[in-house]
């Protein structure tokens, strides 16, 4: 496999990726030297509506939340971002990642956007960042939604596992994975094999080729490996009402993790979706958005 990686070391210039993938309402904001790609979608009905901050998963981007924006934007102000090391945002200025990197980044983002408190939703790796933020800055989080969240031990797909290993990480930092490997990896996240389409798969792959993203994504995986997995002890300190959503056919993170989250979190509800994989906000957009709205708007 290493030989397959070394055949391709190209990157795609950021300007080219912006021209192709930034949206009409895309904005960029400087957070501690990092030019962050985000969308701030005001509520169509109420300028004082509650804020919902949505965080994507590994090697994804803010585009994954489009269907939720369509469904929820009449009741919420929705902020979506390309997290550091992914999407158009690109890598942290410093390559070192520790337990404070993402929680502190999210704090600074909210400060810059003048958002004192919000609801937060995170999918996969974004779920881990969501609850890490809620644990460190509980005063900033009203309610939390975790969608097929990373947290408890699981065996990831082989490609992700290898990218977090010393040799595989070095290879991933210095060359590109074959496009077919990335396409297969992303398809595994969906129960519906018609999803995602070729255009979406190409976006995943090309975003990985943004200068710095390949290295940054690998460093995130190595950070998780070096600390022997995700921190779950912080869940015990979270009192924010939490809704855990899970696809019953998730091939990445098994549905049994819902019980682990329910046991660890003081105030937790669980909803599962049949014929759904790792991405409820895409695969069951209308239903999951309705469940999210009911949870967030119910006292």
Protein backbone atom coordinates (compact mmCIF):
# COMPACT_ATOMS: atom_id res chain seq x y z
CA UNK A 1 0.00 0.00 0.00
CA UNK A 2 2.90 2.37 0.72
CA UNK A 3 3.97 2.26 -2.92
CA UNK A 4 0.44 3.24 -3.95
CA UNK A 5 0.62 6.29 -1.69
CA UNK A 6 4.01 7.50 -2.91
CA UNK A 7 2.85 7.67 -6.52
CA UNK A 8 0.88 10.86 -5.80
CA UNK A 9 2.22 13.78 -3.80
CA UNK A 10 0.33 16.64 -5.44
CA UNK A 11 -1.82 19.23 -3.67
CA UNK A 12 -4.64 21.44 -4.95
CA UNK A 13 -4.09 25.18 -4.44
CA UNK A 14 -6.39 26.75 -1.88
CA UNK A 15 -7.59 29.36 -4.39
CA UNK A 16 -8.77 26.60 -6.71
CA UNK A 17 -10.58 24.78 -3.90
CA UNK A 18 -12.24 28.00 -2.74
CA UNK A 19 -13.50 28.72 -6.22
CA UNK A 20 -15.02 25.25 -6.40
CA UNK A 21 -16.30 24.64 -2.87
CA UNK A 22 -17.02 27.87 -1.04
CA UNK A 23 -20.72 28.70 -1.01
CA UNK A 24 -22.62 31.92 -1.67
CA UNK A 25 -22.81 32.67 2.05
CA UNK A 26 -19.34 31.36 2.91
CA UNK A 27 -17.25 33.63 5.10
CA UNK A 28 -13.71 33.53 6.47
CA UNK A 29 -12.67 34.74 9.89
CA UNK A 30 -9.24 34.96 11.50
CA UNK A 31 -8.96 32.96 14.71
CA UNK A 32 -5.44 33.16 16.17
CA UNK A 33 -3.79 33.21 12.77
CA UNK A 34 -6.08 30.59 11.23
CA UNK A 35 -8.36 31.69 8.39
CA UNK A 36 -11.50 29.73 9.27
CA UNK A 37 -14.15 28.87 6.68
CA UNK A 38 -17.62 29.16 8.17
CA UNK A 39 -21.27 29.84 7.42
CA UNK A 40 -23.44 31.89 9.74
CA UNK A 41 -27.02 31.23 8.62
CA UNK A 42 -29.44 33.61 10.37
CA UNK A 43 -32.86 32.33 11.34
CA UNK A 44 -35.36 33.15 8.62
CA UNK A 45 -38.11 33.95 11.13
CA UNK A 46 -36.45 35.30 14.25
CA UNK A 47 -33.21 37.33 14.45
CA UNK A 48 -33.01 36.45 18.17
CA UNK A 49 -33.33 32.70 17.59
CA UNK A 50 -31.09 30.31 19.53
CA UNK A 51 -27.71 29.47 18.00
CA UNK A 52 -26.84 25.94 16.90
CA UNK A 53 -23.13 25.28 16.24
CA UNK A 54 -22.56 22.16 14.10
CA UNK A 55 -19.24 20.29 13.89
CA UNK A 56 -18.40 17.81 11.14
CA UNK A 57 -16.43 14.56 11.37
CA UNK A 58 -13.06 13.29 10.18
CA UNK A 59 -11.97 14.57 6.74
CA UNK A 60 -15.40 16.15 6.24
CA UNK A 61 -16.46 19.80 5.94
CA UNK A 62 -19.32 22.15 6.73
CA UNK A 63 -21.14 20.91 3.60
CA UNK A 64 -22.31 17.84 5.54
CA UNK A 65 -24.84 20.02 7.45
CA UNK A 66 -26.63 21.51 4.43
CA UNK A 67 -29.78 19.41 4.87
CA UNK A 68 -30.06 20.38 8.54
CA UNK A 69 -29.71 24.04 7.59
CA UNK A 70 -32.55 23.62 5.10
CA UNK A 71 -34.74 21.96 7.74
CA UNK A 72 -33.90 24.03 10.83
CA UNK A 73 -33.11 27.52 9.61
CA UNK A 74 -36.65 28.73 10.31
CA UNK A 75 -36.11 28.15 14.05
CA UNK A 76 -32.36 28.49 14.65
CA UNK A 77 -29.36 30.58 13.72
CA UNK A 78 -27.01 27.88 12.47
CA UNK A 79 -23.23 28.23 12.46
CA UNK A 80 -21.23 25.60 10.57
CA UNK A 81 -17.46 25.55 10.18
CA UNK A 82 -14.62 23.70 8.54
CA UNK A 83 -12.73 22.56 11.62
CA UNK A 84 -8.97 23.15 11.80
CA UNK A 85 -7.01 20.56 9.80
CA UNK A 86 -9.96 19.98 7.46
CA UNK A 87 -11.88 21.59 4.61
CA UNK A 88 -10.98 25.06 3.40
CA UNK A 89 -9.78 26.09 6.87
CA UNK A 90 -6.66 23.98 6.78
CA UNK A 91 -4.17 23.17 9.53
CA UNK A 92 -3.53 24.85 12.86
CA UNK A 93 -0.54 27.27 12.69
CA UNK A 94 1.19 24.97 15.18
CA UNK A 95 1.21 21.25 14.33
CA UNK A 96 1.07 20.20 17.98
CA UNK A 97 -2.40 19.02 19.01
CA UNK A 98 -3.35 18.52 22.65
CA UNK A 99 -6.49 18.27 24.78
CA UNK A 100 -6.97 22.05 24.68
CA UNK A 101 -6.51 22.66 20.95
CA UNK A 102 -10.08 22.22 19.76
CA UNK A 103 -12.01 23.34 22.89
CA UNK A 104 -9.98 26.56 23.03
CA UNK A 105 -10.40 27.11 19.31
CA UNK A 106 -14.19 26.79 19.66
CA UNK A 107 -14.17 29.20 22.59
CA UNK A 108 -12.23 31.76 20.56
CA UNK A 109 -14.53 31.26 17.58
CA UNK A 110 -17.63 31.95 19.67
CA UNK A 111 -15.95 34.95 21.28
CA UNK A 112 -15.10 36.39 17.87
CA UNK A 113 -18.66 35.83 16.63
CA UNK A 114 -19.95 37.37 19.90
CA UNK A 115 -21.92 34.24 20.81
CA UNK A 116 -22.05 33.84 24.58
CA UNK A 117 -23.92 30.55 24.67
CA UNK A 118 -25.21 28.06 22.11
CA UNK A 119 -26.48 24.60 21.40
CA UNK A 120 -23.80 22.35 19.90
CA UNK A 121 -24.09 19.32 17.61
CA UNK A 122 -21.26 17.10 16.46
CA UNK A 123 -20.95 14.09 14.19
CA UNK A 124 -18.25 11.45 14.62
CA UNK A 125 -14.97 13.23 15.48
CA UNK A 126 -17.01 16.42 15.73
CA UNK A 127 -18.97 14.76 18.53
CA UNK A 128 -15.76 14.25 20.48
CA UNK A 129 -14.84 17.90 19.98
CA UNK A 130 -18.37 18.91 21.02
CA UNK A 131 -18.34 17.11 24.34
CA UNK A 132 -14.73 18.13 25.00
CA UNK A 133 -15.85 21.75 24.62
CA UNK A 134 -18.94 21.21 26.77
CA UNK A 135 -16.80 19.67 29.52
CA UNK A 136 -14.21 22.45 29.55
CA UNK A 137 -16.60 25.37 28.99
CA UNK A 138 -19.98 24.28 30.41
CA UNK A 139 -21.15 27.87 30.70
CA UNK A 140 -21.07 28.17 26.88
CA UNK A 141 -23.34 25.18 26.08
CA UNK A 142 -27.13 25.08 26.44
CA UNK A 143 -27.82 21.61 25.01
CA UNK A 144 -25.76 19.10 23.06
CA UNK A 145 -26.48 16.62 20.27
CA UNK A 146 -24.03 13.81 19.52
CA UNK A 147 -24.53 12.03 16.18
CA UNK A 148 -22.66 8.70 15.97
CA UNK A 149 -20.01 10.35 18.09
CA UNK A 150 -16.46 9.20 18.57
CA UNK A 151 -15.58 8.59 22.20
CA UNK A 152 -15.52 5.01 23.39
CA UNK A 153 -13.14 2.37 22.06
CA UNK A 154 -13.85 0.98 18.61
CA UNK A 155 -11.83 -0.48 15.76
CA UNK A 156 -11.86 2.14 12.98
CA UNK A 157 -11.72 1.33 9.27
CA UNK A 158 -8.30 0.02 8.28
CA UNK A 159 -7.31 3.15 6.37
CA UNK A 160 -7.97 5.40 9.37
CA UNK A 161 -6.23 2.92 11.66
CA UNK A 162 -3.13 2.91 9.45
CA UNK A 163 -3.05 6.73 9.18
CA UNK A 164 -2.84 6.93 12.96
CA UNK A 165 0.04 4.44 13.17
CA UNK A 166 3.67 5.66 13.09
CA UNK A 167 4.60 4.31 9.64
CA UNK A 168 1.17 4.78 8.12
CA UNK A 169 1.02 8.29 9.55
CA UNK A 170 4.37 9.16 7.99
CA UNK A 171 3.21 7.80 4.63
CA UNK A 172 -0.10 9.69 4.87
CA UNK A 173 1.70 12.93 5.71
CA UNK A 174 4.02 12.64 2.74
CA UNK A 175 1.78 11.32 -0.06
CA UNK A 176 -1.84 11.06 -1.09
CA UNK A 177 -4.03 7.99 -0.60
CA UNK A 178 -5.44 6.48 -3.79
CA UNK A 179 -8.74 8.10 -4.75
CA UNK A 180 -10.44 4.69 -4.89
CA UNK A 181 -9.39 3.99 -1.28
CA UNK A 182 -10.88 7.29 -0.08
CA UNK A 183 -14.10 6.72 -2.04
CA UNK A 184 -14.50 3.22 -0.54
CA UNK A 185 -13.77 4.51 2.96
CA UNK A 186 -16.42 7.25 2.73
CA UNK A 187 -19.01 4.89 1.21
CA UNK A 188 -18.61 2.60 4.22
CA UNK A 189 -20.02 5.37 6.41
CA UNK A 190 -23.41 5.23 4.66
CA UNK A 191 -26.08 2.53 4.86
CA UNK A 192 -27.58 3.72 1.57
CA UNK A 193 -25.03 2.74 -1.06
CA UNK A 194 -26.39 5.44 -3.39
CA UNK A 195 -24.93 7.97 -0.97
CA UNK A 196 -22.81 9.97 -1.30
CA UNK A 197 -22.78 10.74 -5.01
CA UNK A 198 -19.61 11.10 -7.08
CA UNK A 199 -19.59 14.88 -6.69
CA UNK A 200 -19.65 14.60 -2.90
CA UNK A 201 -16.99 11.88 -2.91
CA UNK A 202 -14.78 14.06 -5.08
CA UNK A 203 -15.21 16.93 -2.62
CA UNK A 204 -14.02 14.72 0.26
CA UNK A 205 -10.98 13.66 -1.72
CA UNK A 206 -10.04 17.08 -3.07
CA UNK A 207 -10.40 18.73 0.35
CA UNK A 208 -7.79 16.25 1.60
CA UNK A 209 -5.45 17.64 -1.05
CA UNK A 210 -5.64 21.18 0.32
CA UNK A 211 -2.08 22.11 1.34
CA UNK A 212 -1.59 21.00 4.95
CA UNK A 213 -4.79 18.96 5.33
CA UNK A 214 -3.22 15.59 4.68
CA UNK A 215 -0.63 16.22 7.38
CA UNK A 216 -3.12 17.86 9.74
CA UNK A 217 -5.67 15.06 9.50
CA UNK A 218 -2.97 12.48 10.13
CA UNK A 219 -1.77 14.44 13.17
CA UNK A 220 -5.29 14.41 14.63
CA UNK A 221 -5.37 10.63 14.31
CA UNK A 222 -1.90 10.35 15.83
CA UNK A 223 -3.00 12.58 18.73
CA UNK A 224 -5.83 10.14 19.46
CA UNK A 225 -3.45 7.20 19.20
CA UNK A 226 -0.81 8.78 21.44
CA UNK A 227 -3.30 9.39 24.25
CA UNK A 228 -4.56 5.79 23.90
CA UNK A 229 -7.96 6.73 22.51
CA UNK A 230 -10.54 9.41 23.13
CA UNK A 231 -11.09 10.98 26.54
CA UNK A 232 -14.40 9.77 27.96
CA UNK A 233 -13.86 10.73 31.61
CA UNK A 234 -14.84 14.30 30.74
CA UNK A 235 -18.34 13.06 29.90
CA UNK A 236 -18.95 12.48 33.61
CA UNK A 237 -18.70 16.21 34.30
CA UNK A 238 -21.24 17.30 31.67
CA UNK A 239 -24.67 18.33 32.93
CA UNK A 240 -25.98 19.87 29.71
CA UNK A 241 -29.03 18.00 28.39
CA UNK A 242 -27.77 15.72 25.63
CA UNK A 243 -29.43 13.88 22.76
CA UNK A 244 -27.49 10.96 21.29
CA UNK A 245 -28.50 10.05 17.73
CA UNK A 246 -27.27 6.89 16.06
CA UNK A 247 -27.68 5.04 12.78
CA UNK A 248 -28.53 1.40 13.42
CA UNK A 249 -26.36 0.33 10.46
CA UNK A 250 -23.29 2.35 11.37
CA UNK A 251 -20.27 0.45 10.02
CA UNK A 252 -17.75 2.82 11.58
CA UNK A 253 -18.80 3.13 15.23
CA UNK A 254 -21.13 0.42 16.61
CA UNK A 255 -24.56 1.26 17.98
CA UNK A 256 -23.69 -0.29 21.35
CA UNK A 257 -21.88 2.96 22.12
CA UNK A 258 -25.26 4.59 22.74
CA UNK A 259 -25.43 2.65 26.01
CA UNK A 260 -21.97 3.86 26.99
CA UNK A 261 -22.89 7.49 26.38
CA UNK A 262 -26.17 7.07 28.22
CA UNK A 263 -24.35 5.62 31.21
CA UNK A 264 -21.66 8.34 31.27
CA UNK A 265 -23.86 11.41 30.73
CA UNK A 266 -26.02 12.69 33.56
CA UNK A 267 -28.87 13.95 31.36
CA UNK A 268 -29.05 11.91 28.17
CA UNK A 269 -31.67 10.73 25.68
CA UNK A 270 -31.05 8.31 22.80
CA UNK A 271 -32.73 8.05 19.40
CA UNK A 272 -31.70 5.47 16.79
CA UNK A 273 -32.55 5.34 13.09
CA UNK A 274 -33.19 2.22 11.03
CA UNK A 275 -31.55 1.89 7.61
CA UNK A 276 -29.08 4.60 8.58
CA UNK A 277 -25.31 4.53 8.82
CA UNK A 278 -22.81 6.95 10.34
CA UNK A 279 -24.39 10.17 9.03
CA UNK A 280 -27.98 10.69 10.32
CA UNK A 281 -27.95 14.39 9.39
CA UNK A 282 -27.52 13.34 5.74
CA UNK A 283 -29.18 9.92 5.53
CA UNK A 284 -32.21 10.75 7.70
CA UNK A 285 -32.14 14.51 7.35
CA UNK A 286 -35.81 15.38 7.81
CA UNK A 287 -36.38 12.95 10.67
CA UNK A 288 -33.17 13.71 12.55
CA UNK A 289 -33.67 17.47 12.12
CA UNK A 290 -37.21 17.20 13.48
CA UNK A 291 -35.93 15.22 16.46
CA UNK A 292 -33.19 17.80 17.00
CA UNK A 293 -35.65 20.70 16.93
CA UNK A 294 -38.02 18.98 19.36
CA UNK A 295 -35.17 18.28 21.77
CA UNK A 296 -33.63 21.75 21.58
CA UNK A 297 -36.91 23.67 21.85
CA UNK A 298 -38.48 21.61 24.63
CA UNK A 299 -37.94 22.96 28.13
